[in-house]
Structure formats: structure tokens, C-alpha cells
Amino acid sequence: MAFDVAASQEAAAGHALRVIGADGEWYAMTLDHDPDRVNLILEAGKIVWAGMC
């Protein structure tokens, strides 16, 4: 799924998005728990992994 499509769907569901990695690069992140946040890994602008945390 494309990132922009997921962003609009998740915003409508009341979830925040956080990209934790893209195109083989990992980003710094906190380990705080937020049940309304979806963590994403992207490849070429497409979501290849998603998990709630």
C-alpha cells in the first residue's frame, strides 16, 4: 500500500503514523508505548511492514 493512502486511512481511524525505516535505512525512535500509533517500514514509497506499538 502506498504511504499516502495509509496516512489518510489511519488518520480517519484516529491513528498516528511513524516511519521507523525506509529503503534499507533505520531511523532513531523512542521506545514509548502509544496504542494509537502505527509504526511503518517503507521501500520505494510503499509500506512493507506495519505494526502497532
C-alpha atoms as a PDB file:
ATOM      1  CA  MET A   1       0.000   0.000   0.000  1.00  0.00           C
ATOM      2  CA  ALA A   2       1.249   3.492  -0.755  1.00  0.00           C
ATOM      3  CA  PHE A   3       2.158   5.662   2.238  1.00  0.00           C
ATOM      4  CA  ASP A   4      -0.261   8.478   1.338  1.00  0.00           C
ATOM      5  CA  VAL A   5      -3.209   6.056   1.120  1.00  0.00           C
ATOM      6  CA  ALA A   6      -2.349   4.544   4.507  1.00  0.00           C
ATOM      7  CA  ALA A   7      -1.899   8.003   6.037  1.00  0.00           C
ATOM      8  CA  SER A   8      -5.415   9.082   5.110  1.00  0.00           C
ATOM      9  CA  GLN A   9      -6.965   5.779   6.236  1.00  0.00           C
ATOM     10  CA  GLU A  10      -5.132   5.716   9.552  1.00  0.00           C
ATOM     11  CA  ALA A  11      -5.894   9.382  10.254  1.00  0.00           C
ATOM     12  CA  ALA A  12      -9.589   8.625   9.753  1.00  0.00           C
ATOM     13  CA  ALA A  13      -9.218   5.764  12.255  1.00  0.00           C
ATOM     14  CA  GLY A  14      -7.561   8.089  14.786  1.00  0.00           C
ATOM     15  CA  HIS A  15      -4.079   6.572  14.482  1.00  0.00           C
ATOM     16  CA  ALA A  16      -0.772   8.393  14.210  1.00  0.00           C
ATOM     17  CA  LEU A  17       1.895   7.102  11.807  1.00  0.00           C
ATOM     18  CA  ARG A  18       5.620   6.832  12.473  1.00  0.00           C
ATOM     19  CA  VAL A  19       8.090   5.761   9.801  1.00  0.00           C
ATOM     20  CA  ILE A  20      10.844   3.794  11.539  1.00  0.00           C
ATOM     21  CA  GLY A  21      12.752   2.852   8.395  1.00  0.00           C
ATOM     22  CA  ALA A  22      12.837   3.399   4.652  1.00  0.00           C
ATOM     23  CA  ASP A  23      14.801   1.976   1.744  1.00  0.00           C
ATOM     24  CA  GLY A  24      17.130  -0.038   3.977  1.00  0.00           C
ATOM     25  CA  GLU A  25      17.832   2.795   6.440  1.00  0.00           C
ATOM     26  CA  TRP A  26      16.621   2.657  10.063  1.00  0.00           C
ATOM     27  CA  TYR A  27      15.623   5.813  11.930  1.00  0.00           C
ATOM     28  CA  ALA A  28      16.097   6.668  15.596  1.00  0.00           C
ATOM     29  CA  MET A  29      12.958   6.208  17.650  1.00  0.00           C
ATOM     30  CA  THR A  30      11.779   6.240  21.229  1.00  0.00           C
ATOM     31  CA  LEU A  31      10.519   3.114  22.957  1.00  0.00           C
ATOM     32  CA  ASP A  32       7.451   4.735  24.490  1.00  0.00           C
ATOM     33  CA  HIS A  33       4.167   2.869  24.142  1.00  0.00           C
ATOM     34  CA  ASP A  34       1.344   4.541  22.209  1.00  0.00           C
ATOM     35  CA  PRO A  35      -1.611   2.257  21.425  1.00  0.00           C
ATOM     36  CA  ASP A  36      -2.837   4.689  18.748  1.00  0.00           C
ATOM     37  CA  ARG A  37       0.398   4.738  16.731  1.00  0.00           C
ATOM     38  CA  VAL A  38       1.277   2.615  13.720  1.00  0.00           C
ATOM     39  CA  ASN A  39       4.982   2.068  13.016  1.00  0.00           C
ATOM     40  CA  LEU A  40       5.899   1.648   9.347  1.00  0.00           C
ATOM     41  CA  ILE A  41       8.797   0.468   7.229  1.00  0.00           C
ATOM     42  CA  LEU A  42       8.785   1.722   3.638  1.00  0.00           C
ATOM     43  CA  GLU A  43      10.501   0.611   0.445  1.00  0.00           C
ATOM     44  CA  ALA A  44      10.215   2.897  -2.583  1.00  0.00           C
ATOM     45  CA  GLY A  45       7.269   4.737  -1.002  1.00  0.00           C
ATOM     46  CA  LYS A  46       5.308   1.545  -0.336  1.00  0.00           C
ATOM     47  CA  ILE A  47       4.609   0.035   3.082  1.00  0.00           C
ATOM     48  CA  VAL A  48       6.372  -3.310   3.501  1.00  0.00           C
ATOM     49  CA  TRP A  49       5.755  -3.680   7.254  1.00  0.00           C
ATOM     50  CA  ALA A  50       3.336  -2.137   9.765  1.00  0.00           C
ATOM     51  CA  GLY A  51       2.877  -2.748  13.456  1.00  0.00           C
ATOM     52  CA  MET A  52       1.095  -1.007  16.299  1.00  0.00           C
ATOM     53  CA  CYS A  53       3.035  -0.018  19.382  1.00  0.00           C
END
